[in-house]
Amino acid sequence: MLKRSFIILVFMSVVTTSAFGNQNVKVVKESEMTLQDVVSRVSYVSGQKYISSIDLSKKILSINLEITKENSDTVLTSFLHENGLTRVEESEGLFKIISVNEISNTVLKSYVADKKLNPKLPRTYDFYLLKYSIANREQIKDLAKKVEPYLSSNGALLYANIAGEIIVRDNAHNLSKIYRVLKRAEIQLEQKALSLNDRENEQHVLQENGERES
């Protein structure tokens, strides 16, 4: 079993100017930047701590990268995603970086949603569960079919049960798209059902009028 290695921000003895402003922090040229460097920068600006047993020395391409407290989660999870990695929260403010292939064995936070309740997922590539409830349980199979084309390689449709709940596991970026797909599909099915009912009612009225005239 690999020993967890703690990722720390490396401080230097000279004052340099970086995306963080004037601070005693390590400045890495873009051509020399690694995943380790990105994690360290994000840890510095966000105050989050990271642990991992994975080698993060892989070099990455970054042009004019500016990491701020506001964009740090998006930047880091995007780089991790591109390299087959993700992060999971171990405790408040402490994250573990793992292979995305391990996500199926990880306990994830869930977001509840329906056609009126937007789950407001974060703008990251972190993995979550989306629990989408539908009004008409008879539509569950039709709606579940809409999910699969939008799943990432590590995403999964976990449940589509008779209680009218669809549960999907994927990264937040994908889940946001899947939510919009489910919402749009459910509304379209409802409109189709209403249109069918209107036609049936119209046909019924015409039949009644025809019987009266005869």
N, C-alpha and C. Protein backbone atom coordinates (compact mmCIF):
# COMPACT_ATOMS: atom_id res chain seq x y z
N MET A 1 0.84 -1.20 0.00
CA MET A 1 0.00 0.00 0.00
C MET A 1 0.87 1.25 0.00
N LEU A 2 0.60 2.15 -0.89
CA LEU A 2 1.40 3.35 -0.99
C LEU A 2 1.13 4.27 0.19
N LYS A 3 2.17 4.83 0.69
CA LYS A 3 2.04 5.77 1.80
C LYS A 3 1.55 7.11 1.28
N ARG A 4 0.62 7.71 2.02
CA ARG A 4 0.11 9.01 1.59
C ARG A 4 1.22 10.04 1.66
N SER A 5 1.33 10.82 0.62
CA SER A 5 2.32 11.89 0.61
C SER A 5 1.61 13.21 0.71
N PHE A 6 2.01 14.04 1.65
CA PHE A 6 1.37 15.32 1.85
C PHE A 6 1.93 16.34 0.88
N ILE A 7 1.05 17.06 0.23
CA ILE A 7 1.44 18.05 -0.76
C ILE A 7 1.49 19.41 -0.07
N ILE A 8 2.62 20.04 -0.04
CA ILE A 8 2.75 21.31 0.67
C ILE A 8 3.20 22.39 -0.30
N LEU A 9 2.88 23.60 0.04
CA LEU A 9 3.32 24.74 -0.76
C LEU A 9 4.76 25.07 -0.39
N VAL A 10 5.60 25.21 -1.39
CA VAL A 10 7.02 25.47 -1.15
C VAL A 10 7.26 26.97 -1.10
N PHE A 11 7.78 27.45 0.01
CA PHE A 11 8.07 28.87 0.17
C PHE A 11 9.54 29.15 -0.18
N MET A 12 9.80 30.33 -0.71
CA MET A 12 11.16 30.73 -1.07
C MET A 12 11.56 31.92 -0.21
N SER A 13 12.83 32.16 -0.16
CA SER A 13 13.34 33.21 0.71
C SER A 13 13.32 34.58 0.07
N VAL A 14 13.01 34.65 -1.21
CA VAL A 14 12.98 35.94 -1.89
C VAL A 14 11.57 36.31 -2.27
N VAL A 15 11.29 37.58 -2.33
CA VAL A 15 9.96 38.06 -2.69
C VAL A 15 9.85 38.07 -4.20
N THR A 16 8.83 37.43 -4.72
CA THR A 16 8.60 37.39 -6.15
C THR A 16 7.18 37.81 -6.45
N THR A 17 6.93 38.15 -7.71
CA THR A 17 5.59 38.55 -8.13
C THR A 17 4.97 37.43 -8.94
N SER A 18 3.79 36.99 -8.54
CA SER A 18 3.09 35.93 -9.24
C SER A 18 1.62 36.28 -9.33
N ALA A 19 0.81 35.27 -9.67
CA ALA A 19 -0.63 35.49 -9.73
C ALA A 19 -1.19 35.80 -8.36
N PHE A 20 -0.40 35.52 -7.30
CA PHE A 20 -0.88 35.76 -5.94
C PHE A 20 -0.53 37.17 -5.46
N GLY A 21 0.25 37.91 -6.25
CA GLY A 21 0.72 39.21 -5.79
C GLY A 21 2.13 39.06 -5.25
N ASN A 22 2.56 40.00 -4.43
CA ASN A 22 3.90 39.94 -3.86
C ASN A 22 3.90 39.04 -2.63
N GLN A 23 4.37 37.81 -2.80
CA GLN A 23 4.40 36.85 -1.71
C GLN A 23 5.67 36.00 -1.83
N ASN A 24 6.07 35.39 -0.73
CA ASN A 24 7.22 34.49 -0.73
C ASN A 24 6.78 33.10 -1.20
N VAL A 25 6.45 32.98 -2.46
CA VAL A 25 5.98 31.70 -2.98
C VAL A 25 6.79 31.29 -4.19
N LYS A 26 6.77 30.02 -4.44
CA LYS A 26 7.51 29.48 -5.58
C LYS A 26 6.82 29.87 -6.88
N VAL A 27 7.55 30.45 -7.79
CA VAL A 27 7.03 30.79 -9.11
C VAL A 27 7.61 29.82 -10.12
N VAL A 28 6.75 29.14 -10.86
CA VAL A 28 7.19 28.12 -11.81
C VAL A 28 6.90 28.62 -13.22
N LYS A 29 7.88 28.53 -14.08
CA LYS A 29 7.65 28.91 -15.47
C LYS A 29 6.60 27.98 -16.07
N GLU A 30 5.79 28.53 -16.95
CA GLU A 30 4.69 27.76 -17.52
C GLU A 30 5.18 26.48 -18.19
N SER A 31 6.34 26.52 -18.84
CA SER A 31 6.86 25.33 -19.52
C SER A 31 7.30 24.25 -18.54
N GLU A 32 7.52 24.63 -17.27
CA GLU A 32 7.99 23.69 -16.26
C GLU A 32 6.89 23.31 -15.26
N MET A 33 5.67 23.77 -15.48
CA MET A 33 4.61 23.55 -14.52
C MET A 33 4.17 22.09 -14.48
N THR A 34 3.92 21.59 -13.29
CA THR A 34 3.43 20.22 -13.09
C THR A 34 2.11 20.26 -12.34
N LEU A 35 1.45 19.11 -12.28
CA LEU A 35 0.22 19.01 -11.49
C LEU A 35 0.49 19.36 -10.03
N GLN A 36 1.66 18.95 -9.54
CA GLN A 36 2.04 19.28 -8.16
C GLN A 36 2.05 20.78 -7.94
N ASP A 37 2.57 21.53 -8.92
CA ASP A 37 2.63 22.98 -8.81
C ASP A 37 1.23 23.59 -8.76
N VAL A 38 0.33 23.07 -9.59
CA VAL A 38 -1.04 23.58 -9.60
C VAL A 38 -1.72 23.32 -8.25
N VAL A 39 -1.54 22.11 -7.74
CA VAL A 39 -2.13 21.77 -6.44
C VAL A 39 -1.59 22.70 -5.36
N SER A 40 -0.30 22.95 -5.38
CA SER A 40 0.31 23.82 -4.38
C SER A 40 -0.23 25.24 -4.47
N ARG A 41 -0.38 25.75 -5.69
CA ARG A 41 -0.92 27.10 -5.86
C ARG A 41 -2.36 27.18 -5.36
N VAL A 42 -3.16 26.16 -5.74
CA VAL A 42 -4.55 26.14 -5.30
C VAL A 42 -4.64 26.05 -3.78
N SER A 43 -3.78 25.23 -3.19
CA SER A 43 -3.76 25.10 -1.74
C SER A 43 -3.46 26.44 -1.08
N TYR A 44 -2.55 27.19 -1.69
CA TYR A 44 -2.17 28.48 -1.12
C TYR A 44 -3.32 29.49 -1.17
N VAL A 45 -3.94 29.64 -2.33
CA VAL A 45 -4.95 30.69 -2.48
C VAL A 45 -6.28 30.32 -1.82
N SER A 46 -6.57 29.01 -1.70
CA SER A 46 -7.87 28.59 -1.17
C SER A 46 -7.83 28.20 0.29
N GLY A 47 -6.64 27.88 0.80
CA GLY A 47 -6.54 27.42 2.18
C GLY A 47 -6.87 25.94 2.33
N GLN A 48 -7.15 25.26 1.21
CA GLN A 48 -7.47 23.83 1.26
C GLN A 48 -6.17 23.02 1.38
N LYS A 49 -6.28 21.84 1.98
CA LYS A 49 -5.15 20.93 2.10
C LYS A 49 -5.39 19.71 1.21
N TYR A 50 -4.30 19.18 0.64
CA TYR A 50 -4.43 18.05 -0.28
C TYR A 50 -3.46 16.93 0.10
N ILE A 51 -3.94 15.69 -0.02
CA ILE A 51 -3.11 14.52 0.17
C ILE A 51 -3.30 13.60 -1.02
N SER A 52 -2.25 12.80 -1.31
CA SER A 52 -2.37 11.87 -2.42
C SER A 52 -1.24 10.85 -2.37
N SER A 53 -1.50 9.67 -2.89
CA SER A 53 -0.45 8.65 -3.05
C SER A 53 -0.08 8.53 -4.53
N ILE A 54 -0.54 9.49 -5.32
CA ILE A 54 -0.32 9.48 -6.77
C ILE A 54 0.82 10.44 -7.13
N ASP A 55 1.64 10.05 -8.07
CA ASP A 55 2.72 10.89 -8.55
C ASP A 55 2.13 12.05 -9.35
N LEU A 56 2.36 13.27 -8.89
CA LEU A 56 1.80 14.46 -9.54
C LEU A 56 2.88 15.28 -10.25
N SER A 57 3.97 14.62 -10.63
CA SER A 57 5.09 15.34 -11.25
C SER A 57 4.91 15.51 -12.76
N LYS A 58 3.79 15.05 -13.30
CA LYS A 58 3.57 15.17 -14.73
C LYS A 58 3.50 16.63 -15.15
N LYS A 59 4.23 16.97 -16.22
CA LYS A 59 4.21 18.35 -16.71
C LYS A 59 2.94 18.61 -17.49
N ILE A 60 2.45 19.83 -17.38
CA ILE A 60 1.22 20.21 -18.07
C ILE A 60 1.44 21.52 -18.82
N LEU A 61 0.61 21.75 -19.82
CA LEU A 61 0.69 22.97 -20.61
C LEU A 61 -0.26 24.00 -20.03
N SER A 62 0.27 25.16 -19.73
CA SER A 62 -0.56 26.24 -19.20
C SER A 62 -0.07 27.56 -19.75
N ILE A 63 -0.99 28.35 -20.29
CA ILE A 63 -0.64 29.64 -20.86
C ILE A 63 -1.38 30.74 -20.11
N ASN A 64 -0.62 31.68 -19.56
CA ASN A 64 -1.19 32.81 -18.83
C ASN A 64 -2.15 32.35 -17.73
N LEU A 65 -1.74 31.32 -17.00
CA LEU A 65 -2.58 30.79 -15.94
C LEU A 65 -2.56 31.70 -14.72
N GLU A 66 -3.72 32.15 -14.32
CA GLU A 66 -3.84 32.96 -13.11
C GLU A 66 -4.83 32.26 -12.19
N ILE A 67 -4.36 31.80 -11.07
CA ILE A 67 -5.20 31.08 -10.12
C ILE A 67 -5.61 32.02 -9.00
N THR A 68 -6.90 32.19 -8.82
CA THR A 68 -7.44 33.02 -7.76
C THR A 68 -8.30 32.17 -6.84
N LYS A 69 -8.70 32.73 -5.74
CA LYS A 69 -9.56 32.00 -4.81
C LYS A 69 -10.89 31.65 -5.47
N GLU A 70 -11.35 32.54 -6.36
CA GLU A 70 -12.64 32.33 -7.03
C GLU A 70 -12.59 31.22 -8.07
N ASN A 71 -11.47 31.08 -8.79
CA ASN A 71 -11.43 30.09 -9.87
C ASN A 71 -10.60 28.84 -9.54
N SER A 72 -10.04 28.79 -8.34
CA SER A 72 -9.10 27.71 -8.00
C SER A 72 -9.72 26.32 -8.11
N ASP A 73 -10.95 26.15 -7.66
CA ASP A 73 -11.60 24.83 -7.74
C ASP A 73 -11.79 24.40 -9.19
N THR A 74 -12.23 25.33 -10.02
CA THR A 74 -12.45 25.02 -11.44
C THR A 74 -11.14 24.68 -12.13
N VAL A 75 -10.11 25.47 -11.89
CA VAL A 75 -8.81 25.24 -12.53
C VAL A 75 -8.24 23.88 -12.13
N LEU A 76 -8.20 23.61 -10.84
CA LEU A 76 -7.59 22.36 -10.37
C LEU A 76 -8.36 21.14 -10.86
N THR A 77 -9.67 21.14 -10.70
CA THR A 77 -10.44 19.96 -11.10
C THR A 77 -10.41 19.74 -12.60
N SER A 78 -10.25 20.82 -13.36
CA SER A 78 -10.14 20.70 -14.81
C SER A 78 -8.84 19.99 -15.18
N PHE A 79 -7.73 20.39 -14.56
CA PHE A 79 -6.45 19.73 -14.82
C PHE A 79 -6.47 18.27 -14.37
N LEU A 80 -7.06 18.02 -13.22
CA LEU A 80 -7.15 16.64 -12.73
C LEU A 80 -7.97 15.80 -13.71
N HIS A 81 -9.08 16.35 -14.15
CA HIS A 81 -9.97 15.65 -15.09
C HIS A 81 -9.23 15.27 -16.37
N GLU A 82 -8.44 16.19 -16.90
CA GLU A 82 -7.71 15.94 -18.13
C GLU A 82 -6.64 14.86 -17.98
N ASN A 83 -6.26 14.59 -16.74
CA ASN A 83 -5.23 13.60 -16.47
C ASN A 83 -5.76 12.35 -15.78
N GLY A 84 -7.06 12.12 -15.89
CA GLY A 84 -7.65 10.90 -15.34
C GLY A 84 -7.70 10.86 -13.83
N LEU A 85 -7.73 12.03 -13.20
CA LEU A 85 -7.75 12.11 -11.74
C LEU A 85 -8.96 12.91 -11.28
N THR A 86 -9.24 12.83 -10.01
CA THR A 86 -10.29 13.66 -9.41
C THR A 86 -9.96 13.83 -7.94
N ARG A 87 -10.72 14.64 -7.26
CA ARG A 87 -10.50 14.82 -5.83
C ARG A 87 -11.78 14.52 -5.07
N VAL A 88 -11.63 14.06 -3.85
CA VAL A 88 -12.78 13.82 -2.98
C VAL A 88 -12.47 14.44 -1.62
N GLU A 89 -13.50 14.95 -0.98
CA GLU A 89 -13.30 15.62 0.30
C GLU A 89 -13.27 14.59 1.42
N GLU A 90 -12.14 14.53 2.13
CA GLU A 90 -11.98 13.61 3.25
C GLU A 90 -12.62 14.17 4.52
N SER A 91 -12.44 15.45 4.72
CA SER A 91 -13.04 16.17 5.84
C SER A 91 -13.05 17.64 5.45
N GLU A 92 -13.60 18.48 6.29
CA GLU A 92 -13.72 19.88 5.91
C GLU A 92 -12.35 20.50 5.60
N GLY A 93 -12.20 20.94 4.35
CA GLY A 93 -10.96 21.59 3.94
C GLY A 93 -9.82 20.66 3.60
N LEU A 94 -10.04 19.35 3.67
CA LEU A 94 -9.00 18.37 3.34
C LEU A 94 -9.48 17.47 2.21
N PHE A 95 -8.73 17.45 1.12
CA PHE A 95 -9.10 16.68 -0.07
C PHE A 95 -8.04 15.63 -0.38
N LYS A 96 -8.51 14.53 -0.96
CA LYS A 96 -7.62 13.48 -1.43
C LYS A 96 -7.71 13.39 -2.95
N ILE A 97 -6.59 13.34 -3.61
CA ILE A 97 -6.55 13.19 -5.06
C ILE A 97 -6.42 11.71 -5.39
N ILE A 98 -7.35 11.21 -6.20
CA ILE A 98 -7.39 9.79 -6.54
C ILE A 98 -7.55 9.61 -8.05
N SER A 99 -7.34 8.38 -8.50
CA SER A 99 -7.64 8.05 -9.89
C SER A 99 -9.14 8.08 -10.08
N VAL A 100 -9.59 8.57 -11.22
CA VAL A 100 -11.02 8.65 -11.47
C VAL A 100 -11.65 7.25 -11.51
N ASN A 101 -10.83 6.23 -11.74
CA ASN A 101 -11.34 4.86 -11.77
C ASN A 101 -11.77 4.37 -10.39
N GLU A 102 -11.36 5.07 -9.34
CA GLU A 102 -11.73 4.69 -7.98
C GLU A 102 -13.07 5.29 -7.55
N ILE A 103 -13.65 6.11 -8.38
CA ILE A 103 -14.82 6.89 -7.95
C ILE A 103 -16.03 6.01 -7.64
N SER A 104 -16.13 4.84 -8.27
CA SER A 104 -17.28 3.97 -8.03
C SER A 104 -17.29 3.41 -6.61
N ASN A 105 -16.15 3.45 -5.94
CA ASN A 105 -16.06 2.93 -4.57
C ASN A 105 -16.01 4.05 -3.54
N THR A 106 -16.38 5.25 -3.97
CA THR A 106 -16.28 6.42 -3.11
C THR A 106 -17.66 6.95 -2.73
N VAL A 107 -17.81 7.33 -1.48
CA VAL A 107 -19.07 7.95 -1.02
C VAL A 107 -19.10 9.39 -1.52
N LEU A 108 -20.18 9.76 -2.20
CA LEU A 108 -20.27 11.07 -2.82
C LEU A 108 -21.44 11.88 -2.28
N LYS A 109 -21.27 13.17 -2.30
CA LYS A 109 -22.37 14.08 -1.94
C LYS A 109 -23.43 14.02 -3.03
N SER A 110 -24.69 14.15 -2.64
CA SER A 110 -25.78 14.09 -3.62
C SER A 110 -26.52 15.42 -3.71
N TYR A 111 -27.06 15.69 -4.90
CA TYR A 111 -27.88 16.88 -5.15
C TYR A 111 -29.27 16.42 -5.59
N VAL A 112 -30.29 16.95 -4.93
CA VAL A 112 -31.68 16.63 -5.24
C VAL A 112 -32.21 17.64 -6.25
N ALA A 113 -32.97 17.15 -7.22
CA ALA A 113 -33.48 18.04 -8.26
C ALA A 113 -34.78 17.51 -8.85
N ASP A 114 -35.52 18.40 -9.49
CA ASP A 114 -36.66 18.03 -10.33
C ASP A 114 -36.80 19.14 -11.37
N LYS A 115 -37.86 19.12 -12.14
CA LYS A 115 -37.97 20.08 -13.24
C LYS A 115 -38.07 21.52 -12.74
N LYS A 116 -38.46 21.72 -11.48
CA LYS A 116 -38.56 23.06 -10.92
C LYS A 116 -37.41 23.40 -9.99
N LEU A 117 -36.73 22.38 -9.48
CA LEU A 117 -35.65 22.58 -8.52
C LEU A 117 -34.30 22.38 -9.19
N ASN A 118 -33.61 23.48 -9.45
CA ASN A 118 -32.27 23.42 -10.04
C ASN A 118 -31.26 23.02 -8.97
N PRO A 119 -30.45 21.97 -9.21
CA PRO A 119 -29.52 21.52 -8.18
C PRO A 119 -28.35 22.46 -7.90
N LYS A 120 -28.11 23.44 -8.77
CA LYS A 120 -27.05 24.43 -8.60
C LYS A 120 -25.71 23.75 -8.29
N LEU A 121 -25.30 22.90 -9.18
CA LEU A 121 -24.04 22.18 -9.05
C LEU A 121 -22.84 23.13 -9.18
N PRO A 122 -21.75 22.86 -8.49
CA PRO A 122 -20.57 23.72 -8.62
C PRO A 122 -19.96 23.62 -10.01
N ARG A 123 -19.22 24.63 -10.41
CA ARG A 123 -18.61 24.63 -11.74
C ARG A 123 -17.24 23.98 -11.66
N THR A 124 -17.26 22.67 -11.39
CA THR A 124 -16.02 21.90 -11.27
C THR A 124 -16.19 20.56 -11.98
N TYR A 125 -15.15 19.73 -11.90
CA TYR A 125 -15.21 18.37 -12.42
C TYR A 125 -15.22 17.36 -11.27
N ASP A 126 -15.57 17.81 -10.07
CA ASP A 126 -15.73 16.89 -8.95
C ASP A 126 -16.93 15.99 -9.21
N PHE A 127 -16.89 14.78 -8.66
CA PHE A 127 -17.98 13.83 -8.86
C PHE A 127 -19.04 13.96 -7.77
N TYR A 128 -20.31 13.84 -8.19
CA TYR A 128 -21.45 13.88 -7.27
C TYR A 128 -22.52 12.92 -7.75
N LEU A 129 -23.57 12.81 -6.96
CA LEU A 129 -24.77 12.09 -7.37
C LEU A 129 -25.87 13.10 -7.64
N LEU A 130 -26.59 12.91 -8.73
CA LEU A 130 -27.76 13.72 -9.04
C LEU A 130 -28.99 12.85 -8.86
N LYS A 131 -29.89 13.27 -7.96
CA LYS A 131 -31.13 12.53 -7.71
C LYS A 131 -32.29 13.34 -8.27
N TYR A 132 -32.75 12.93 -9.45
CA TYR A 132 -33.78 13.67 -10.17
C TYR A 132 -35.13 12.96 -10.01
N SER A 133 -36.12 13.67 -9.47
CA SER A 133 -37.47 13.12 -9.29
C SER A 133 -38.40 13.62 -10.38
N ILE A 134 -39.22 12.70 -10.92
CA ILE A 134 -40.15 13.09 -11.97
C ILE A 134 -41.59 13.02 -11.45
N ALA A 135 -42.45 13.83 -12.05
CA ALA A 135 -43.84 13.91 -11.59
C ALA A 135 -44.64 12.67 -11.99
N ASN A 136 -44.47 12.23 -13.23
CA ASN A 136 -45.20 11.08 -13.75
C ASN A 136 -44.29 9.86 -13.76
N ARG A 137 -44.51 8.94 -12.84
CA ARG A 137 -43.63 7.78 -12.70
C ARG A 137 -43.65 6.89 -13.94
N GLU A 138 -44.70 6.96 -14.73
CA GLU A 138 -44.78 6.12 -15.92
C GLU A 138 -43.76 6.53 -16.99
N GLN A 139 -43.21 7.73 -16.83
CA GLN A 139 -42.24 8.23 -17.81
C GLN A 139 -40.80 7.87 -17.45
N ILE A 140 -40.60 7.13 -16.37
CA ILE A 140 -39.26 6.88 -15.84
C ILE A 140 -38.34 6.23 -16.86
N LYS A 141 -38.81 5.23 -17.59
CA LYS A 141 -37.96 4.52 -18.55
C LYS A 141 -37.59 5.42 -19.73
N ASP A 142 -38.56 6.19 -20.21
CA ASP A 142 -38.29 7.08 -21.34
C ASP A 142 -37.25 8.14 -20.97
N LEU A 143 -37.36 8.66 -19.75
CA LEU A 143 -36.41 9.69 -19.32
C LEU A 143 -35.03 9.10 -19.05
N ALA A 144 -34.98 7.91 -18.48
CA ALA A 144 -33.70 7.27 -18.17
C ALA A 144 -32.88 7.06 -19.44
N LYS A 145 -33.55 6.78 -20.56
CA LYS A 145 -32.85 6.56 -21.84
C LYS A 145 -32.14 7.83 -22.31
N LYS A 146 -32.61 8.98 -21.86
CA LYS A 146 -32.01 10.24 -22.29
C LYS A 146 -30.65 10.49 -21.63
N VAL A 147 -30.37 9.78 -20.54
CA VAL A 147 -29.17 10.06 -19.75
C VAL A 147 -27.90 9.50 -20.38
N GLU A 148 -27.93 8.25 -20.81
CA GLU A 148 -26.73 7.52 -21.20
C GLU A 148 -25.86 8.22 -22.25
N PRO A 149 -26.42 8.87 -23.28
CA PRO A 149 -25.55 9.52 -24.27
C PRO A 149 -24.70 10.65 -23.70
N TYR A 150 -25.06 11.16 -22.52
CA TYR A 150 -24.36 12.31 -21.96
C TYR A 150 -23.42 11.94 -20.82
N LEU A 151 -23.31 10.68 -20.50
CA LEU A 151 -22.44 10.25 -19.40
C LEU A 151 -20.97 10.30 -19.82
N SER A 152 -20.10 10.65 -18.88
CA SER A 152 -18.67 10.56 -19.14
C SER A 152 -18.25 9.10 -19.02
N SER A 153 -17.00 8.81 -19.32
CA SER A 153 -16.53 7.42 -19.28
C SER A 153 -16.62 6.82 -17.89
N ASN A 154 -16.59 7.65 -16.86
CA ASN A 154 -16.71 7.15 -15.48
C ASN A 154 -18.04 7.51 -14.85
N GLY A 155 -18.95 8.06 -15.65
CA GLY A 155 -20.29 8.34 -15.16
C GLY A 155 -21.15 7.09 -15.24
N ALA A 156 -22.27 7.10 -14.53
CA ALA A 156 -23.14 5.93 -14.55
C ALA A 156 -24.56 6.30 -14.16
N LEU A 157 -25.51 5.64 -14.83
CA LEU A 157 -26.91 5.73 -14.42
C LEU A 157 -27.10 4.64 -13.37
N LEU A 158 -27.26 5.03 -12.12
CA LEU A 158 -27.29 4.06 -11.02
C LEU A 158 -28.68 3.48 -10.80
N TYR A 159 -29.70 4.34 -10.81
CA TYR A 159 -31.07 3.88 -10.56
C TYR A 159 -32.06 4.64 -11.41
N ALA A 160 -33.11 3.95 -11.79
CA ALA A 160 -34.29 4.57 -12.40
C ALA A 160 -35.44 3.73 -11.87
N ASN A 161 -35.93 4.07 -10.68
CA ASN A 161 -36.85 3.18 -9.98
C ASN A 161 -38.31 3.60 -10.11
N ILE A 162 -39.19 2.70 -9.66
CA ILE A 162 -40.63 2.93 -9.79
C ILE A 162 -41.13 4.07 -8.90
N ALA A 163 -40.28 4.50 -8.00
CA ALA A 163 -40.66 5.64 -7.15
C ALA A 163 -40.55 6.96 -7.92
N GLY A 164 -40.04 6.88 -9.15
CA GLY A 164 -39.94 8.09 -9.97
C GLY A 164 -38.66 8.86 -9.74
N GLU A 165 -37.59 8.18 -9.36
CA GLU A 165 -36.32 8.85 -9.09
C GLU A 165 -35.22 8.28 -9.99
N ILE A 166 -34.50 9.17 -10.65
CA ILE A 166 -33.36 8.80 -11.47
C ILE A 166 -32.10 9.28 -10.75
N ILE A 167 -31.17 8.36 -10.52
CA ILE A 167 -29.93 8.69 -9.81
C ILE A 167 -28.75 8.49 -10.75
N VAL A 168 -27.98 9.56 -10.92
CA VAL A 168 -26.85 9.55 -11.86
C VAL A 168 -25.58 9.95 -11.11
N ARG A 169 -24.49 9.24 -11.40
CA ARG A 169 -23.17 9.60 -10.87
C ARG A 169 -22.31 10.12 -12.01
N ASP A 170 -21.76 11.31 -11.83
CA ASP A 170 -20.86 11.86 -12.86
C ASP A 170 -20.20 13.12 -12.29
N ASN A 171 -19.32 13.71 -13.08
CA ASN A 171 -18.72 14.96 -12.62
C ASN A 171 -19.73 16.09 -12.76
N ALA A 172 -19.53 17.15 -11.99
CA ALA A 172 -20.50 18.24 -11.93
C ALA A 172 -20.74 18.88 -13.28
N HIS A 173 -19.68 18.97 -14.08
CA HIS A 173 -19.81 19.56 -15.42
C HIS A 173 -20.82 18.77 -16.25
N ASN A 174 -20.73 17.46 -16.22
CA ASN A 174 -21.64 16.61 -16.97
C ASN A 174 -23.03 16.57 -16.35
N LEU A 175 -23.09 16.54 -15.03
CA LEU A 175 -24.39 16.48 -14.36
C LEU A 175 -25.23 17.72 -14.65
N SER A 176 -24.58 18.85 -14.82
CA SER A 176 -25.33 20.07 -15.16
C SER A 176 -26.02 19.90 -16.52
N LYS A 177 -25.31 19.30 -17.47
CA LYS A 177 -25.90 19.05 -18.79
C LYS A 177 -27.02 18.01 -18.69
N ILE A 178 -26.77 16.96 -17.92
CA ILE A 178 -27.75 15.89 -17.77
C ILE A 178 -29.03 16.41 -17.11
N TYR A 179 -28.87 17.31 -16.14
CA TYR A 179 -30.07 17.90 -15.52
C TYR A 179 -30.89 18.64 -16.55
N ARG A 180 -30.25 19.44 -17.39
CA ARG A 180 -30.98 20.20 -18.41
C ARG A 180 -31.66 19.26 -19.40
N VAL A 181 -30.99 18.16 -19.74
CA VAL A 181 -31.57 17.18 -20.66
C VAL A 181 -32.82 16.55 -20.04
N LEU A 182 -32.74 16.14 -18.79
CA LEU A 182 -33.87 15.51 -18.11
C LEU A 182 -35.04 16.49 -17.96
N LYS A 183 -34.74 17.70 -17.59
CA LYS A 183 -35.79 18.71 -17.42
C LYS A 183 -36.51 18.97 -18.74
N ARG A 184 -35.72 19.17 -19.80
CA ARG A 184 -36.32 19.44 -21.11
C ARG A 184 -37.14 18.25 -21.60
N ALA A 185 -36.61 17.03 -21.41
CA ALA A 185 -37.32 15.82 -21.86
C ALA A 185 -38.62 15.62 -21.09
N GLU A 186 -38.59 15.88 -19.79
CA GLU A 186 -39.80 15.70 -18.99
C GLU A 186 -40.88 16.70 -19.42
N ILE A 187 -40.49 17.94 -19.65
CA ILE A 187 -41.45 18.97 -20.08
C ILE A 187 -42.03 18.60 -21.45
N GLN A 188 -41.19 18.11 -22.34
CA GLN A 188 -41.66 17.72 -23.68
C GLN A 188 -42.65 16.55 -23.60
N LEU A 189 -42.37 15.59 -22.72
CA LEU A 189 -43.29 14.46 -22.54
C LEU A 189 -44.62 14.92 -21.97
N GLU A 190 -44.58 15.88 -21.05
CA GLU A 190 -45.81 16.41 -20.47
C GLU A 190 -46.62 17.15 -21.52
N GLN A 191 -45.94 17.95 -22.33
CA GLN A 191 -46.64 18.69 -23.39
C GLN A 191 -47.24 17.74 -24.42
N LYS A 192 -46.51 16.67 -24.71
CA LYS A 192 -47.01 15.67 -25.64
C LYS A 192 -48.26 14.99 -25.08
N ALA A 193 -48.23 14.68 -23.79
CA ALA A 193 -49.37 14.04 -23.13
C ALA A 193 -50.57 14.97 -23.12
N LEU A 194 -50.34 16.26 -22.85
CA LEU A 194 -51.42 17.23 -22.84
C LEU A 194 -52.03 17.38 -24.23
N SER A 195 -51.17 17.43 -25.23
CA SER A 195 -51.63 17.55 -26.60
C SER A 195 -52.48 16.34 -27.00
N LEU A 196 -52.05 15.16 -26.56
CA LEU A 196 -52.80 13.94 -26.85
C LEU A 196 -54.16 13.97 -26.16
N ASN A 197 -54.18 14.45 -24.92
CA ASN A 197 -55.45 14.56 -24.18
C ASN A 197 -56.39 15.54 -24.85
N ASP A 198 -55.81 16.65 -25.35
CA ASP A 198 -56.65 17.65 -26.03
C ASP A 198 -57.28 17.06 -27.29
N ARG A 199 -56.48 16.29 -28.04
CA ARG A 199 -57.01 15.67 -29.25
C ARG A 199 -58.09 14.64 -28.92
N GLU A 200 -57.86 13.90 -27.85
CA GLU A 200 -58.86 12.90 -27.44
C GLU A 200 -60.15 13.57 -27.00
N ASN A 201 -60.02 14.68 -26.26
CA ASN A 201 -61.21 15.41 -25.81
C ASN A 201 -61.96 16.01 -27.00
N GLU A 202 -61.17 16.54 -27.95
CA GLU A 202 -61.79 17.12 -29.14
C GLU A 202 -62.54 16.05 -29.94
N GLN A 203 -61.94 14.89 -30.08
CA GLN A 203 -62.58 13.79 -30.79
C GLN A 203 -63.83 13.34 -30.07
N HIS A 204 -63.78 13.33 -28.75
CA HIS A 204 -64.93 12.92 -27.94
C HIS A 204 -66.10 13.89 -28.14
N VAL A 205 -65.78 15.20 -28.15
CA VAL A 205 -66.81 16.22 -28.35
C VAL A 205 -67.44 16.08 -29.73
N LEU A 206 -66.61 15.85 -30.75
CA LEU A 206 -67.13 15.69 -32.11
C LEU A 206 -68.04 14.49 -32.20
N GLN A 207 -67.68 13.42 -31.53
CA GLN A 207 -68.51 12.22 -31.54
C GLN A 207 -69.86 12.48 -30.87
N GLU A 208 -69.82 13.20 -29.74
CA GLU A 208 -71.06 13.52 -29.03
C GLU A 208 -71.96 14.40 -29.89
N ASN A 209 -71.36 15.41 -30.54
CA ASN A 209 -72.15 16.29 -31.41
C ASN A 209 -72.74 15.51 -32.57
N GLY A 210 -71.99 14.58 -33.12
CA GLY A 210 -72.48 13.76 -34.22
C GLY A 210 -73.64 12.89 -33.81
N GLU A 211 -73.59 12.32 -32.61
CA GLU A 211 -74.67 11.48 -32.10
C GLU A 211 -75.94 12.29 -31.87
N ARG A 212 -75.78 13.54 -31.38
CA ARG A 212 -76.94 14.39 -31.14
C ARG A 212 -77.64 14.77 -32.44
N GLU A 213 -76.81 15.08 -33.47
CA GLU A 213 -77.40 15.49 -34.75
C GLU A 213 -78.14 14.34 -35.43
N SER A 214 -77.65 13.12 -35.20
CA SER A 214 -78.31 11.97 -35.81
C SER A 214 -79.57 11.59 -35.04
